[in-house]
N, C-alpha and C. Protein backbone atom coordinates (compact mmCIF):
# COMPACT_ATOMS: atom_id res chain seq x y z
N MET A 1 -4.92 20.08 0.44
CA MET A 1 -5.53 19.30 0.15
C MET A 1 -5.26 18.57 -0.93
N SER A 2 -5.24 16.68 -0.61
CA SER A 2 -5.13 16.09 -1.76
C SER A 2 -5.91 15.92 -2.83
N THR A 3 -5.88 15.72 -3.87
CA THR A 3 -6.83 15.42 -5.17
C THR A 3 -6.57 14.39 -5.84
N GLY A 4 -7.13 13.87 -6.15
CA GLY A 4 -7.05 12.48 -7.19
C GLY A 4 -8.14 11.36 -6.33
N ARG A 5 -7.75 10.13 -7.15
CA ARG A 5 -8.98 9.20 -7.16
C ARG A 5 -8.83 8.81 -5.84
N PRO A 6 -10.11 8.15 -5.30
CA PRO A 6 -9.77 7.95 -3.32
C PRO A 6 -9.47 6.95 -3.43
N LEU A 7 -9.22 5.96 -2.28
CA LEU A 7 -7.99 4.93 -2.71
C LEU A 7 -8.99 4.10 -2.55
N HIS A 8 -10.31 3.64 -2.14
CA HIS A 8 -11.29 2.92 -1.95
C HIS A 8 -11.49 2.55 -2.84
N LEU A 9 -11.25 3.17 -4.36
CA LEU A 9 -11.44 3.01 -5.83
C LEU A 9 -10.80 2.06 -6.50
N LEU A 10 -9.30 1.78 -5.80
CA LEU A 10 -8.07 1.31 -6.43
C LEU A 10 -8.49 -0.40 -6.21
N PRO A 11 -7.98 -1.15 -7.15
CA PRO A 11 -8.01 -2.26 -6.72
C PRO A 11 -7.46 -3.03 -5.35
N ASN A 12 -8.26 -3.98 -4.87
CA ASN A 12 -7.13 -4.58 -3.63
C ASN A 12 -7.19 -3.45 -2.08
N LEU A 13 -7.79 -2.55 -2.58
CA LEU A 13 -8.10 -1.38 -1.26
C LEU A 13 -9.40 -1.42 -1.00
N GLY A 14 -9.81 -1.62 0.37
CA GLY A 14 -11.05 -1.06 0.75
C GLY A 14 -11.28 -0.06 1.65
N PRO A 15 -12.57 -0.08 2.44
CA PRO A 15 -12.52 0.98 2.93
C PRO A 15 -11.81 1.21 4.19
N ALA A 16 -11.55 -0.07 4.91
CA ALA A 16 -10.22 -0.22 6.65
C ALA A 16 -9.38 0.47 6.04
N THR A 17 -8.67 -0.13 4.65
CA THR A 17 -7.79 -0.39 4.37
C THR A 17 -7.43 1.80 3.83
N ALA A 18 -8.66 2.23 3.76
CA ALA A 18 -8.18 3.47 3.06
C ALA A 18 -8.18 4.29 3.99
N ARG A 19 -8.77 4.05 4.93
CA ARG A 19 -8.96 5.05 6.07
C ARG A 19 -7.75 5.05 6.81
N ARG A 20 -7.37 3.50 6.95
CA ARG A 20 -5.86 3.52 7.67
C ARG A 20 -4.92 4.66 6.92
N LEU A 21 -4.90 3.94 5.54
CA LEU A 21 -3.82 5.21 5.47
C LEU A 21 -3.86 6.93 4.70
N ALA A 22 -5.45 6.77 5.24
CA ALA A 22 -5.67 7.91 5.34
C ALA A 22 -4.74 8.55 7.12
N GLU A 23 -5.03 7.89 7.53
CA GLU A 23 -4.53 8.11 9.22
C GLU A 23 -2.93 8.13 9.11
N VAL A 24 -2.57 8.19 8.04
CA VAL A 24 -0.81 7.94 7.77
C VAL A 24 -0.75 8.93 7.11
N GLY A 25 -1.34 9.41 6.27
CA GLY A 25 -0.88 10.62 5.45
C GLY A 25 -1.03 10.34 3.58
N VAL A 26 -1.88 9.33 4.00
CA VAL A 26 -1.90 8.66 2.51
C VAL A 26 -3.19 9.21 2.15
N SER A 27 -3.91 10.11 1.15
CA SER A 27 -5.17 10.39 1.74
C SER A 27 -6.15 9.83 -0.31
N CYS A 28 -5.24 9.73 -1.14
CA CYS A 28 -5.51 10.02 -2.49
C CYS A 28 -4.73 8.66 -3.46
N GLU A 29 -5.34 8.36 -4.33
CA GLU A 29 -4.29 7.82 -5.77
C GLU A 29 -2.50 8.58 -5.50
N ALA A 30 -3.53 9.96 -5.65
CA ALA A 30 -1.81 10.65 -6.06
C ALA A 30 -1.18 10.83 -4.79
N ASP A 31 -0.98 10.57 -3.74
CA ASP A 31 -0.63 10.64 -2.54
C ASP A 31 0.17 9.20 -2.31
N LEU A 32 -0.58 7.95 -3.28
CA LEU A 32 0.09 6.63 -2.59
C LEU A 32 0.79 6.12 -3.86
N ARG A 33 0.63 6.70 -4.92
CA ARG A 33 1.71 7.15 -6.03
C ARG A 33 3.31 8.00 -5.49
N ALA A 34 3.05 9.15 -5.31
CA ALA A 34 4.01 9.80 -5.03
C ALA A 34 5.42 9.10 -3.75
N LEU A 35 3.99 8.70 -2.79
CA LEU A 35 5.05 7.45 -1.73
C LEU A 35 5.80 6.19 -2.05
N GLY A 36 5.24 5.59 -3.04
CA GLY A 36 5.50 4.41 -3.57
C GLY A 36 4.80 3.34 -2.54
N ALA A 37 4.84 1.82 -2.74
CA ALA A 37 3.78 1.14 -1.79
C ALA A 37 4.36 0.51 -0.70
N VAL A 38 5.73 0.75 -1.00
CA VAL A 38 6.95 0.08 0.13
C VAL A 38 6.61 1.11 1.07
N ALA A 39 6.96 2.49 0.86
CA ALA A 39 6.81 4.04 1.87
C ALA A 39 5.85 3.51 2.77
N ALA A 40 4.41 3.55 2.07
CA ALA A 40 3.24 3.21 2.18
C ALA A 40 2.89 2.46 3.19
N TYR A 41 3.66 1.54 2.81
CA TYR A 41 3.24 -0.23 3.84
C TYR A 41 4.36 0.31 4.99
N ALA A 42 5.73 0.65 4.95
CA ALA A 42 6.29 1.01 6.46
C ALA A 42 5.46 1.54 6.90
N ARG A 43 4.60 2.69 6.80
CA ARG A 43 3.75 3.98 7.14
C ARG A 43 2.36 3.50 7.56
N LEU A 44 1.95 2.17 7.47
CA LEU A 44 1.10 1.19 7.86
C LEU A 44 1.52 0.56 8.92
N ARG A 45 2.28 0.11 8.87
CA ARG A 45 3.12 -1.26 9.88
C ARG A 45 3.90 -0.67 10.64
N HIS A 46 4.05 0.92 11.21
CA HIS A 46 4.34 1.39 12.44
C HIS A 46 3.09 2.07 12.90
N ALA A 47 2.23 2.41 12.40
CA ALA A 47 1.08 2.97 12.97
C ALA A 47 -0.26 1.63 13.52
N PHE A 48 0.28 0.48 12.90
CA PHE A 48 -0.93 -0.36 12.87
C PHE A 48 -0.50 -1.68 12.52
N PRO A 49 0.68 -1.84 13.38
CA PRO A 49 1.75 -3.05 13.48
C PRO A 49 0.62 -4.58 13.87
N ARG A 50 -0.20 -4.70 14.43
CA ARG A 50 -0.66 -5.53 14.52
C ARG A 50 -2.02 -5.84 13.25
N GLU A 51 -1.94 -5.58 12.37
CA GLU A 51 -3.39 -4.68 11.82
C GLU A 51 -2.93 -5.25 9.94
N THR A 52 -1.36 -5.30 9.98
CA THR A 52 -0.57 -4.91 8.64
C THR A 52 0.54 -5.89 8.52
N SER A 53 0.04 -6.79 7.61
CA SER A 53 0.87 -8.25 7.05
C SER A 53 1.25 -7.32 5.34
N LEU A 54 1.87 -9.01 5.02
CA LEU A 54 2.91 -8.88 3.95
C LEU A 54 2.12 -8.44 3.36
N ASN A 55 0.65 -9.15 3.05
CA ASN A 55 -0.51 -8.64 1.92
C ASN A 55 -1.02 -7.44 1.65
N ALA A 56 -1.43 -6.61 3.01
CA ALA A 56 -0.56 -5.11 2.76
C ALA A 56 -0.55 -4.69 1.75
N LEU A 57 1.51 -4.83 1.76
CA LEU A 57 2.27 -4.13 0.89
C LEU A 57 1.91 -5.15 -1.16
N TRP A 58 1.44 -6.05 -0.68
CA TRP A 58 1.34 -6.58 -1.84
C TRP A 58 -0.03 -6.30 -2.76
N ALA A 59 -1.32 -5.68 -1.60
CA ALA A 59 -2.49 -5.18 -2.17
C ALA A 59 -1.88 -3.81 -3.14
N LEU A 60 -0.76 -2.69 -1.63
CA LEU A 60 -0.83 -1.55 -1.88
C LEU A 60 0.27 -1.47 -3.37
N HIS A 61 0.84 -2.44 -3.63
CA HIS A 61 1.77 -2.39 -5.31
C HIS A 61 0.23 -3.06 -6.41
N GLY A 62 -0.02 -3.70 -6.24
CA GLY A 62 -1.17 -4.48 -7.01
C GLY A 62 -2.16 -2.99 -7.03
N ALA A 63 -2.49 -2.64 -6.36
CA ALA A 63 -3.51 -1.25 -6.83
C ALA A 63 -2.70 -0.30 -7.39
N LEU A 64 -1.47 0.02 -7.21
CA LEU A 64 -0.70 0.79 -8.45
C LEU A 64 -0.79 0.75 -9.57
N GLU A 65 -0.44 -1.12 -9.86
CA GLU A 65 -0.52 -1.21 -11.09
C GLU A 65 -1.92 -1.86 -10.99
N GLY A 66 -2.24 -1.95 -11.15
CA GLY A 66 -4.11 -2.00 -11.42
C GLY A 66 -4.16 -3.24 -11.28
N VAL A 67 -3.76 -4.59 -10.71
CA VAL A 67 -4.37 -5.70 -10.63
C VAL A 67 -4.07 -6.29 -9.30
N ALA A 68 -4.98 -7.60 -8.98
CA ALA A 68 -4.95 -8.00 -7.39
C ALA A 68 -3.89 -8.67 -6.98
N TRP A 69 -3.64 -8.51 -5.63
CA TRP A 69 -2.60 -8.70 -5.38
C TRP A 69 -1.90 -10.37 -5.76
N THR A 70 -3.12 -10.78 -5.67
CA THR A 70 -3.24 -12.43 -5.77
C THR A 70 -2.46 -12.87 -7.35
N ALA A 71 -2.76 -11.45 -8.10
CA ALA A 71 -1.86 -12.19 -9.36
C ALA A 71 -0.02 -11.90 -9.27
N LEU A 72 0.33 -11.10 -8.10
CA LEU A 72 1.15 -10.68 -8.51
C LEU A 72 2.18 -12.40 -8.59
N ASP A 73 3.50 -12.27 -9.41
CA ASP A 73 3.99 -13.18 -9.02
C ASP A 73 5.21 -13.02 -7.99
N ALA A 74 5.67 -14.49 -7.76
CA ALA A 74 6.67 -14.79 -6.34
C ALA A 74 7.54 -13.89 -6.63
N ALA A 75 8.29 -13.50 -7.19
CA ALA A 75 9.42 -12.78 -7.57
C ALA A 75 9.26 -11.54 -7.69
N THR A 76 8.53 -10.50 -7.61
CA THR A 76 7.88 -9.30 -7.89
C THR A 76 6.98 -9.25 -5.87
N ARG A 77 6.46 -10.36 -5.41
CA ARG A 77 6.19 -10.07 -3.71
C ARG A 77 7.33 -10.83 -3.23
N ALA A 78 8.35 -11.40 -3.96
CA ALA A 78 9.68 -11.01 -3.01
C ALA A 78 11.03 -9.90 -2.74
N ARG A 79 10.69 -8.70 -4.33
CA ARG A 79 11.36 -7.96 -4.05
C ARG A 79 10.81 -7.59 -3.37
N LEU A 80 9.67 -6.88 -3.12
CA LEU A 80 8.67 -6.41 -2.44
C LEU A 80 9.59 -6.08 -0.49
N GLU A 81 9.13 -7.45 -0.50
CA GLU A 81 9.85 -8.02 1.20
C GLU A 81 10.91 -7.50 0.94
N ARG A 82 11.89 -7.60 -0.12
CA ARG A 82 12.50 -7.56 0.69
C ARG A 82 13.62 -5.62 0.66
N GLU A 83 12.64 -5.21 -0.22
CA GLU A 83 12.68 -3.69 -0.14
C GLU A 83 11.96 -2.86 1.48
N ALA A 84 10.80 -3.45 1.44
CA ALA A 84 10.16 -3.20 3.30
C ALA A 84 11.48 -2.95 3.69
N ALA A 85 11.63 -4.64 4.14
CA ALA A 85 13.46 -4.73 4.91
C ALA A 85 14.01 -3.85 4.87
N GLU A 86 14.44 -3.43 4.17
CA GLU A 86 15.50 -2.78 4.28
C GLU A 86 15.19 -1.65 4.74
N PRO A 87 16.25 -1.06 5.74
CA PRO A 87 16.41 0.20 6.36
C PRO A 87 16.32 1.67 5.09
N SER A 88 15.69 2.61 5.78
CA SER A 88 15.34 3.70 5.43
C SER A 88 16.04 4.99 5.80
């Protein structure tokens, strides 16, 4: 079983996102850090394509950085979007 801070306590991640992340195998902060924002986003997009927008990608990155996703600059958002579009 994973240990670490619950996801809903991280910035940008509420209970609904935490539940979806748990459904794709990301159950705590340590899991998210090990996987990374882009890979976690890819899992969410695969499992919940209609509910998962680019805002989720930015929110995941912001959660790991400890900042609101709205505070991410355009260059960071663009880089994350490019990384998410690359084949794995």
